[in-house]
Amino acid sequence: MDIVIGDITELEVDAIVNPTNTMLMPQEGIPAMVFRNGGARIQVECNSIRNKIQKLPVGAAVITSGGDLRALNVIHTACPRMGMGKEAQKLKLCVINSLKLLDKKNLSSIAFPLISTGQYGFTIEQSAEIMVRAIREYFQSTGKLKSVIFCMEDEQTFNKFNEALIQLQAKLSST
């Protein structure tokens, strides 16, 4: 698992994860960058998916091409908001369902941003712990992943994420 600082839409991986809403519509932050930098093809594909399913359930994930991005694909996952109930379980599902799609498509490298932080209400530390635990659990059960990258938008987020990882490792080694 690697941690980088930068723009997730610039990474060359099999798939990047787009933390989005249930309507698969561009909003602010990373989803806006994905649709802006990836071009119209991603939105057209999302519209086609939405026409079939109406609304993406929170925790579910779907995949589109990467459009004009360096990533071959974009995995869109509907993020939980604090206060909706069972938020931690739903965030874990975002990660697990993204990884299942990666496996289903025989892809081996994925980049995640932090999911459900900011306006969705999770702290960096909460999101980091849930996501890293989910990835570890998934990897231990399948062993297929070759490359997982966490992409942080800035140095402050990177530092908080790193701190959360150190605390999580301490928790895991004491159990």
Protein backbone atom coordinates (compact mmCIF):
# COMPACT_ATOMS: atom_id res chain seq x y z
CA MET A 1 0.00 0.00 0.00
CA ASP A 2 1.40 3.36 -1.04
CA ILE A 3 0.37 6.86 -0.04
CA VAL A 4 0.89 9.77 -2.41
CA ILE A 5 0.01 13.45 -2.49
CA GLY A 6 -1.55 14.74 -5.67
CA ASP A 7 -4.44 14.67 -8.09
CA ILE A 8 -5.99 11.21 -8.25
CA THR A 9 -7.13 11.87 -11.83
CA GLU A 10 -3.47 12.01 -12.90
CA LEU A 11 -2.56 8.52 -11.67
CA GLU A 12 -1.79 5.67 -14.08
CA VAL A 13 -3.60 2.72 -12.55
CA ASP A 14 -6.19 0.20 -13.66
CA ALA A 15 -8.88 2.08 -11.71
CA ILE A 16 -9.39 5.13 -9.55
CA VAL A 17 -12.24 5.37 -7.08
CA ASN A 18 -14.66 8.25 -7.39
CA PRO A 19 -16.52 8.92 -4.12
CA THR A 20 -19.82 10.12 -5.49
CA ASN A 21 -23.50 10.55 -4.74
CA THR A 22 -26.30 8.08 -5.37
CA MET A 23 -27.23 9.80 -8.64
CA LEU A 24 -23.72 9.46 -10.16
CA MET A 25 -23.74 13.18 -10.87
CA PRO A 26 -20.75 15.50 -10.72
CA GLN A 27 -20.52 17.57 -7.60
CA GLU A 28 -17.59 19.35 -6.02
CA GLY A 29 -14.19 17.99 -5.04
CA ILE A 30 -12.88 14.75 -6.49
CA PRO A 31 -16.09 13.83 -8.36
CA ALA A 32 -15.99 17.18 -10.17
CA MET A 33 -12.33 16.59 -11.11
CA VAL A 34 -13.12 13.07 -12.38
CA PHE A 35 -15.87 14.30 -14.68
CA ARG A 36 -13.99 17.43 -15.77
CA ASN A 37 -10.65 15.72 -16.45
CA GLY A 38 -12.13 12.47 -17.72
CA GLY A 39 -14.35 14.10 -20.32
CA ALA A 40 -17.94 13.59 -21.39
CA ARG A 41 -17.58 9.83 -21.95
CA ILE A 42 -17.58 9.13 -18.19
CA GLN A 43 -20.78 11.14 -17.65
CA VAL A 44 -22.46 9.44 -20.63
CA GLU A 45 -21.59 6.03 -19.14
CA CYS A 46 -22.84 7.12 -15.70
CA ASN A 47 -26.09 8.36 -17.25
CA SER A 48 -26.55 4.98 -18.94
CA ILE A 49 -26.01 3.17 -15.62
CA ARG A 50 -28.39 5.54 -13.83
CA ASN A 51 -31.06 4.95 -16.50
CA LYS A 52 -30.88 1.23 -15.69
CA ILE A 53 -30.74 1.37 -11.88
CA GLN A 54 -32.26 4.80 -11.12
CA LYS A 55 -30.11 5.31 -8.04
CA LEU A 56 -26.88 3.75 -6.78
CA PRO A 57 -27.39 2.45 -3.23
CA VAL A 58 -25.01 3.85 -0.60
CA GLY A 59 -22.03 1.50 -0.35
CA ALA A 60 -22.54 0.08 -3.85
CA ALA A 61 -20.06 0.58 -6.68
CA VAL A 62 -20.19 0.65 -10.48
CA ILE A 63 -17.44 0.91 -13.07
CA THR A 64 -17.01 3.05 -16.18
CA SER A 65 -14.13 3.62 -18.53
CA GLY A 66 -11.52 6.16 -17.55
CA GLY A 67 -12.46 8.41 -20.47
CA ASP A 68 -9.58 10.85 -21.00
CA LEU A 69 -7.92 9.98 -17.67
CA ARG A 70 -4.66 8.06 -17.33
CA ALA A 71 -6.56 5.47 -15.30
CA LEU A 72 -8.18 2.83 -17.46
CA ASN A 73 -11.37 2.80 -15.40
CA VAL A 74 -13.27 4.73 -12.77
CA ILE A 75 -15.07 2.92 -9.98
CA HIS A 76 -17.87 5.13 -8.69
CA THR A 77 -19.08 4.41 -5.16
CA ALA A 78 -21.97 6.08 -3.37
CA CYS A 79 -20.65 7.49 -0.10
CA PRO A 80 -22.36 7.44 3.28
CA ARG A 81 -23.01 10.63 5.22
CA MET A 82 -22.70 10.88 8.97
CA GLY A 83 -26.11 10.67 10.58
CA MET A 84 -27.66 8.21 8.09
CA GLY A 85 -27.07 5.19 10.31
CA LYS A 86 -24.53 2.36 10.02
CA GLU A 87 -22.11 4.79 8.37
CA ALA A 88 -18.98 2.79 9.17
CA GLN A 89 -20.48 -0.38 7.71
CA LYS A 90 -21.55 1.50 4.57
CA LEU A 91 -18.10 3.05 4.15
CA LYS A 92 -16.56 -0.41 4.45
CA LEU A 93 -18.96 -1.58 1.73
CA CYS A 94 -17.75 1.24 -0.54
CA VAL A 95 -14.23 -0.16 -0.28
CA ILE A 96 -15.14 -3.85 -0.49
CA ASN A 97 -17.48 -3.35 -3.45
CA SER A 98 -14.84 -1.31 -5.26
CA LEU A 99 -12.30 -4.08 -4.75
CA LYS A 100 -14.80 -6.74 -5.90
CA LEU A 101 -15.32 -4.81 -9.14
CA LEU A 102 -11.55 -4.61 -9.60
CA ASP A 103 -11.32 -8.40 -9.25
CA LYS A 104 -14.35 -9.04 -11.44
CA LYS A 105 -12.69 -7.09 -14.27
CA ASN A 106 -9.31 -8.81 -13.65
CA LEU A 107 -7.65 -5.53 -12.79
CA SER A 108 -4.83 -5.33 -10.26
CA SER A 109 -4.09 -1.70 -9.37
CA ILE A 110 -6.40 0.79 -7.71
CA ALA A 111 -6.16 4.29 -6.24
CA PHE A 112 -8.46 5.47 -3.47
CA PRO A 113 -9.02 8.95 -2.13
CA LEU A 114 -10.36 9.20 1.39
CA ILE A 115 -14.06 8.43 1.24
CA SER A 116 -16.80 10.34 3.09
CA THR A 117 -14.57 12.99 4.65
CA GLY A 118 -15.31 16.71 4.43
CA GLN A 119 -18.96 17.48 3.78
CA TYR A 120 -19.91 13.84 4.39
CA GLY A 121 -18.83 14.14 8.03
CA PHE A 122 -16.15 11.50 8.61
CA THR A 123 -12.82 12.65 10.02
CA ILE A 124 -9.67 11.72 8.14
CA GLU A 125 -8.80 9.35 10.96
CA GLN A 126 -12.19 7.59 10.89
CA SER A 127 -12.16 7.17 7.13
CA ALA A 128 -8.53 5.98 7.11
CA GLU A 129 -9.10 3.32 9.75
CA ILE A 130 -12.26 1.93 8.16
CA MET A 131 -10.77 1.91 4.67
CA VAL A 132 -7.43 0.37 5.61
CA ARG A 133 -9.09 -2.33 7.71
CA ALA A 134 -11.43 -3.17 4.81
CA ILE A 135 -8.53 -3.42 2.35
CA ARG A 136 -6.50 -5.61 4.71
CA GLU A 137 -9.49 -7.86 5.31
CA TYR A 138 -10.21 -8.16 1.58
CA PHE A 139 -6.59 -8.82 0.71
CA GLN A 140 -6.31 -11.52 3.37
CA SER A 141 -9.36 -13.28 1.95
CA THR A 142 -8.43 -13.05 -1.75
CA GLY A 143 -4.77 -12.12 -2.07
CA LYS A 144 -5.30 -10.81 -5.60
CA LEU A 145 -4.46 -7.14 -5.22
CA LYS A 146 -1.11 -6.04 -6.58
CA SER A 147 -1.20 -2.32 -5.97
CA VAL A 148 -3.29 -0.09 -3.71
CA ILE A 149 -2.56 3.60 -3.64
CA PHE A 150 -4.11 6.13 -1.30
CA CYS A 151 -4.03 9.53 -2.94
CA MET A 152 -4.18 12.51 -0.59
CA GLU A 153 -5.00 15.97 -1.91
CA ASP A 154 -2.50 17.85 0.26
CA GLU A 155 0.31 17.46 2.77
CA GLN A 156 -1.91 18.14 5.80
CA THR A 157 -4.26 15.30 4.83
CA PHE A 158 -1.28 13.08 4.06
CA ASN A 159 0.16 13.71 7.53
CA LYS A 160 -3.16 13.02 9.29
CA PHE A 161 -3.65 9.85 7.24
CA ASN A 162 -0.13 8.68 8.05
CA GLU A 163 -0.72 9.36 11.76
CA ALA A 164 -3.96 7.36 11.62
CA LEU A 165 -2.10 4.46 10.00
CA ILE A 166 0.51 4.45 12.76
CA GLN A 167 -2.25 4.36 15.40
CA LEU A 168 -4.05 1.58 13.54
CA GLN A 169 -0.87 -0.50 13.30
CA ALA A 170 -0.38 -0.08 17.03
CA LYS A 171 -3.95 -1.26 17.67
CA LEU A 172 -3.55 -4.24 15.36
CA SER A 173 -0.23 -5.33 16.85
CA SER A 174 -1.61 -5.19 20.40
CA THR A 175 -4.48 -7.57 19.60
